[in-house]
């Protein structure tokens, strides 16, 4: 295999799995460091996905028990509205007052009905919903970190090649 092809192969390996290219270049310490960092990023991503899903399921169950609404098949906006208003009537009154008539929900549809047992329950629900959303957002940043880590690993392999 030609030297240029070997270099490109090592860079490609690092783009696929950070540290693999360093291992091909016989730089074991760097390879180990990139492997560990990538593992930490993957574990972090799995943790944020689990946290987001856990809190989402928790707030859906909580809303069903404390407000009488099943949010499992509804859009996120409905969960936001349920967290911002004590009941359906309060929500509709606010939308009518703001002349947002297209957002008014049918009060005769039992799927739209909710009524929080207490303000504390509504606040607790909203905190769970927000935590779920924040976890999803952190997961997006970690995905960016995984991509950046691959690019840095490939640049490092190129640096090792140029150094030799």
C-alpha atoms as a PDB file:
ATOM      1  CA  UNK A   1       0.000   0.000   0.000  1.00  0.00           C
ATOM      2  CA  UNK A   2       1.275   3.474  -0.866  1.00  0.00           C
ATOM      3  CA  UNK A   3       2.155   5.946   1.895  1.00  0.00           C
ATOM      4  CA  UNK A   4      -0.573   8.410   0.809  1.00  0.00           C
ATOM      5  CA  UNK A   5      -3.189   5.675   0.813  1.00  0.00           C
ATOM      6  CA  UNK A   6      -2.060   4.472   4.249  1.00  0.00           C
ATOM      7  CA  UNK A   7      -2.370   8.035   5.547  1.00  0.00           C
ATOM      8  CA  UNK A   8      -5.870   8.419   4.118  1.00  0.00           C
ATOM      9  CA  UNK A   9      -6.863   5.045   5.574  1.00  0.00           C
ATOM     10  CA  UNK A  10      -5.653   6.080   9.036  1.00  0.00           C
ATOM     11  CA  UNK A  11      -7.567   9.355   8.781  1.00  0.00           C
ATOM     12  CA  UNK A  12     -10.699   7.499   7.660  1.00  0.00           C
ATOM     13  CA  UNK A  13     -10.323   5.099  10.575  1.00  0.00           C
ATOM     14  CA  UNK A  14     -10.206   8.045  12.984  1.00  0.00           C
ATOM     15  CA  UNK A  15     -13.305   9.550  11.423  1.00  0.00           C
ATOM     16  CA  UNK A  16     -15.160   6.272  11.987  1.00  0.00           C
ATOM     17  CA  UNK A  17     -13.808   5.523  15.458  1.00  0.00           C
ATOM     18  CA  UNK A  18     -11.522   8.048  17.175  1.00  0.00           C
ATOM     19  CA  UNK A  19      -8.270   6.408  18.245  1.00  0.00           C
ATOM     20  CA  UNK A  20      -8.317   3.744  15.552  1.00  0.00           C
ATOM     21  CA  UNK A  21      -6.169   5.897  13.256  1.00  0.00           C
ATOM     22  CA  UNK A  22      -3.747   6.631  16.084  1.00  0.00           C
ATOM     23  CA  UNK A  23      -3.525   2.888  16.749  1.00  0.00           C
ATOM     24  CA  UNK A  24      -2.707   2.312  13.066  1.00  0.00           C
ATOM     25  CA  UNK A  25       0.066   4.880  13.413  1.00  0.00           C
ATOM     26  CA  UNK A  26       1.408   3.006  16.465  1.00  0.00           C
ATOM     27  CA  UNK A  27       0.659   5.871  18.842  1.00  0.00           C
ATOM     28  CA  UNK A  28      -0.941   3.769  21.573  1.00  0.00           C
ATOM     29  CA  UNK A  29      -1.164   6.454  24.266  1.00  0.00           C
ATOM     30  CA  UNK A  30      -3.096   8.819  22.020  1.00  0.00           C
ATOM     31  CA  UNK A  31      -5.252   5.951  20.770  1.00  0.00           C
ATOM     32  CA  UNK A  32      -6.164   5.012  24.326  1.00  0.00           C
ATOM     33  CA  UNK A  33      -6.986   8.617  25.161  1.00  0.00           C
ATOM     34  CA  UNK A  34      -9.261   8.987  22.115  1.00  0.00           C
ATOM     35  CA  UNK A  35     -10.985   5.646  22.857  1.00  0.00           C
ATOM     36  CA  UNK A  36     -11.717   6.699  26.447  1.00  0.00           C
ATOM     37  CA  UNK A  37     -12.966  10.148  25.434  1.00  0.00           C
ATOM     38  CA  UNK A  38     -15.266   8.653  22.799  1.00  0.00           C
ATOM     39  CA  UNK A  39     -16.599   6.153  25.323  1.00  0.00           C
ATOM     40  CA  UNK A  40     -17.352   8.960  27.770  1.00  0.00           C
ATOM     41  CA  UNK A  41     -19.195  10.907  25.074  1.00  0.00           C
ATOM     42  CA  UNK A  42     -21.291   7.845  24.132  1.00  0.00           C
ATOM     43  CA  UNK A  43     -22.127   7.122  27.779  1.00  0.00           C
ATOM     44  CA  UNK A  44     -23.099  10.755  28.262  1.00  0.00           C
ATOM     45  CA  UNK A  45     -25.376  10.627  25.215  1.00  0.00           C
ATOM     46  CA  UNK A  46     -27.059   7.456  26.459  1.00  0.00           C
ATOM     47  CA  UNK A  47     -27.501   9.072  29.864  1.00  0.00           C
ATOM     48  CA  UNK A  48     -29.208  12.140  28.430  1.00  0.00           C
ATOM     49  CA  UNK A  49     -31.496  10.004  26.265  1.00  0.00           C
ATOM     50  CA  UNK A  50     -32.451   7.891  29.279  1.00  0.00           C
ATOM     51  CA  UNK A  51     -33.013  10.994  31.441  1.00  0.00           C
ATOM     52  CA  UNK A  52     -35.158  12.670  28.808  1.00  0.00           C
ATOM     53  CA  UNK A  53     -37.286   9.568  28.283  1.00  0.00           C
ATOM     54  CA  UNK A  54     -37.591   8.950  32.033  1.00  0.00           C
ATOM     55  CA  UNK A  55     -38.819  12.473  32.764  1.00  0.00           C
ATOM     56  CA  UNK A  56     -41.144  12.432  29.753  1.00  0.00           C
ATOM     57  CA  UNK A  57     -42.817   9.234  30.958  1.00  0.00           C
ATOM     58  CA  UNK A  58     -42.920  10.604  34.506  1.00  0.00           C
ATOM     59  CA  UNK A  59     -44.660  13.841  33.534  1.00  0.00           C
ATOM     60  CA  UNK A  60     -47.169  11.989  31.334  1.00  0.00           C
ATOM     61  CA  UNK A  61     -48.133   9.714  34.223  1.00  0.00           C
ATOM     62  CA  UNK A  62     -48.119  12.634  36.655  1.00  0.00           C
ATOM     63  CA  UNK A  63     -50.490  14.670  34.451  1.00  0.00           C
ATOM     64  CA  UNK A  64     -52.855  11.724  34.151  1.00  0.00           C
ATOM     65  CA  UNK A  65     -52.944  11.221  37.931  1.00  0.00           C
ATOM     66  CA  UNK A  66     -53.058  14.868  39.054  1.00  0.00           C
ATOM     67  CA  UNK A  67     -54.789  16.708  36.199  1.00  0.00           C
ATOM     68  CA  UNK A  68     -56.873  14.002  34.530  1.00  0.00           C
ATOM     69  CA  UNK A  69     -55.338  14.272  31.039  1.00  0.00           C
ATOM     70  CA  UNK A  70     -53.558  11.642  28.960  1.00  0.00           C
ATOM     71  CA  UNK A  71     -50.675  13.318  27.120  1.00  0.00           C
ATOM     72  CA  UNK A  72     -49.142  10.131  25.722  1.00  0.00           C
ATOM     73  CA  UNK A  73     -50.337  10.679  22.132  1.00  0.00           C
ATOM     74  CA  UNK A  74     -50.303  14.473  22.142  1.00  0.00           C
ATOM     75  CA  UNK A  75     -47.854  17.002  20.808  1.00  0.00           C
ATOM     76  CA  UNK A  76     -45.336  18.683  23.100  1.00  0.00           C
ATOM     77  CA  UNK A  77     -47.230  21.971  22.805  1.00  0.00           C
ATOM     78  CA  UNK A  78     -50.176  20.403  24.639  1.00  0.00           C
ATOM     79  CA  UNK A  79     -47.871  19.444  27.526  1.00  0.00           C
ATOM     80  CA  UNK A  80     -46.542  23.025  27.578  1.00  0.00           C
ATOM     81  CA  UNK A  81     -50.102  24.382  27.725  1.00  0.00           C
ATOM     82  CA  UNK A  82     -51.116  21.930  30.460  1.00  0.00           C
ATOM     83  CA  UNK A  83     -48.077  23.056  32.468  1.00  0.00           C
ATOM     84  CA  UNK A  84     -48.847  26.740  31.998  1.00  0.00           C
ATOM     85  CA  UNK A  85     -52.559  26.758  32.885  1.00  0.00           C
ATOM     86  CA  UNK A  86     -54.481  25.323  35.832  1.00  0.00           C
ATOM     87  CA  UNK A  87     -57.298  23.985  33.665  1.00  0.00           C
ATOM     88  CA  UNK A  88     -58.803  23.993  30.189  1.00  0.00           C
ATOM     89  CA  UNK A  89     -61.194  26.870  30.944  1.00  0.00           C
ATOM     90  CA  UNK A  90     -58.346  29.126  32.081  1.00  0.00           C
ATOM     91  CA  UNK A  91     -56.391  28.216  28.935  1.00  0.00           C
ATOM     92  CA  UNK A  92     -59.325  28.980  26.617  1.00  0.00           C
ATOM     93  CA  UNK A  93     -60.131  32.260  28.380  1.00  0.00           C
ATOM     94  CA  UNK A  94     -56.541  33.385  27.937  1.00  0.00           C
ATOM     95  CA  UNK A  95     -56.522  32.489  24.221  1.00  0.00           C
ATOM     96  CA  UNK A  96     -59.837  34.283  23.654  1.00  0.00           C
ATOM     97  CA  UNK A  97     -58.608  37.362  25.533  1.00  0.00           C
ATOM     98  CA  UNK A  98     -55.553  37.451  23.256  1.00  0.00           C
ATOM     99  CA  UNK A  99     -57.779  36.911  20.201  1.00  0.00           C
ATOM    100  CA  UNK A 100     -56.021  33.640  19.397  1.00  0.00           C
ATOM    101  CA  UNK A 101     -59.281  31.941  18.528  1.00  0.00           C
ATOM    102  CA  UNK A 102     -57.610  29.262  16.416  1.00  0.00           C
ATOM    103  CA  UNK A 103     -55.828  27.993  19.559  1.00  0.00           C
ATOM    104  CA  UNK A 104     -59.004  27.599  21.648  1.00  0.00           C
ATOM    105  CA  UNK A 105     -59.602  23.921  22.465  1.00  0.00           C
ATOM    106  CA  UNK A 106     -62.986  22.190  22.327  1.00  0.00           C
ATOM    107  CA  UNK A 107     -64.222  21.964  25.920  1.00  0.00           C
ATOM    108  CA  UNK A 108     -66.688  19.211  24.945  1.00  0.00           C
ATOM    109  CA  UNK A 109     -63.841  16.902  23.898  1.00  0.00           C
ATOM    110  CA  UNK A 110     -62.808  14.884  26.984  1.00  0.00           C
ATOM    111  CA  UNK A 111     -59.284  14.406  25.551  1.00  0.00           C
ATOM    112  CA  UNK A 112     -58.673  18.150  25.911  1.00  0.00           C
ATOM    113  CA  UNK A 113     -59.844  18.414  29.515  1.00  0.00           C
ATOM    114  CA  UNK A 114     -57.484  18.937  32.441  1.00  0.00           C
ATOM    115  CA  UNK A 115     -57.785  20.413  35.890  1.00  0.00           C
ATOM    116  CA  UNK A 116     -54.828  20.432  38.258  1.00  0.00           C
ATOM    117  CA  UNK A 117     -55.583  19.363  41.836  1.00  0.00           C
ATOM    118  CA  UNK A 118     -53.127  21.985  43.119  1.00  0.00           C
ATOM    119  CA  UNK A 119     -50.767  24.675  41.909  1.00  0.00           C
ATOM    120  CA  UNK A 120     -47.879  22.683  43.401  1.00  0.00           C
ATOM    121  CA  UNK A 121     -48.745  19.692  41.213  1.00  0.00           C
ATOM    122  CA  UNK A 122     -48.834  21.890  38.113  1.00  0.00           C
ATOM    123  CA  UNK A 123     -45.428  23.355  38.986  1.00  0.00           C
ATOM    124  CA  UNK A 124     -43.959  19.901  39.638  1.00  0.00           C
ATOM    125  CA  UNK A 125     -45.287  18.698  36.275  1.00  0.00           C
ATOM    126  CA  UNK A 126     -43.776  21.696  34.511  1.00  0.00           C
ATOM    127  CA  UNK A 127     -40.383  21.083  36.139  1.00  0.00           C
ATOM    128  CA  UNK A 128     -40.399  17.465  34.907  1.00  0.00           C
ATOM    129  CA  UNK A 129     -41.347  18.565  31.390  1.00  0.00           C
ATOM    130  CA  UNK A 130     -38.616  21.207  31.323  1.00  0.00           C
ATOM    131  CA  UNK A 131     -36.012  18.740  32.635  1.00  0.00           C
ATOM    132  CA  UNK A 132     -36.951  16.317  29.863  1.00  0.00           C
ATOM    133  CA  UNK A 133     -36.526  19.056  27.257  1.00  0.00           C
ATOM    134  CA  UNK A 134     -33.193  20.194  28.670  1.00  0.00           C
ATOM    135  CA  UNK A 135     -31.900  16.633  28.551  1.00  0.00           C
ATOM    136  CA  UNK A 136     -32.814  16.402  24.867  1.00  0.00           C
ATOM    137  CA  UNK A 137     -30.993  19.657  24.211  1.00  0.00           C
ATOM    138  CA  UNK A 138     -27.871  18.463  26.036  1.00  0.00           C
ATOM    139  CA  UNK A 139     -28.015  15.292  23.924  1.00  0.00           C
ATOM    140  CA  UNK A 140     -27.879  17.438  20.782  1.00  0.00           C
ATOM    141  CA  UNK A 141     -24.708  19.118  22.043  1.00  0.00           C
ATOM    142  CA  UNK A 142     -23.151  15.745  22.833  1.00  0.00           C
ATOM    143  CA  UNK A 143     -23.863  14.591  19.271  1.00  0.00           C
ATOM    144  CA  UNK A 144     -21.984  17.685  18.130  1.00  0.00           C
ATOM    145  CA  UNK A 145     -19.181  16.679  20.475  1.00  0.00           C
ATOM    146  CA  UNK A 146     -19.043  13.196  18.954  1.00  0.00           C
ATOM    147  CA  UNK A 147     -18.734  14.685  15.472  1.00  0.00           C
ATOM    148  CA  UNK A 148     -16.100  17.186  16.601  1.00  0.00           C
ATOM    149  CA  UNK A 149     -14.175  14.451  18.385  1.00  0.00           C
ATOM    150  CA  UNK A 150     -13.926  12.488  15.141  1.00  0.00           C
ATOM    151  CA  UNK A 151     -12.670  15.525  13.268  1.00  0.00           C
ATOM    152  CA  UNK A 152     -10.069  16.267  15.956  1.00  0.00           C
ATOM    153  CA  UNK A 153      -8.947  12.644  15.899  1.00  0.00           C
ATOM    154  CA  UNK A 154      -8.505  12.764  12.099  1.00  0.00           C
ATOM    155  CA  UNK A 155      -6.543  16.024  12.358  1.00  0.00           C
ATOM    156  CA  UNK A 156      -4.367  14.435  15.032  1.00  0.00           C
ATOM    157  CA  UNK A 157      -3.624  11.469  12.757  1.00  0.00           C
ATOM    158  CA  UNK A 158      -2.643  13.898   9.995  1.00  0.00           C
ATOM    159  CA  UNK A 159      -0.402  15.686  12.493  1.00  0.00           C
ATOM    160  CA  UNK A 160       1.237  12.376  13.456  1.00  0.00           C
ATOM    161  CA  UNK A 161       1.825  11.560   9.779  1.00  0.00           C
ATOM    162  CA  UNK A 162       3.392  14.957   9.100  1.00  0.00           C
ATOM    163  CA  UNK A 163       5.510  14.706  12.250  1.00  0.00           C
ATOM    164  CA  UNK A 164       6.973  11.381  11.043  1.00  0.00           C
END
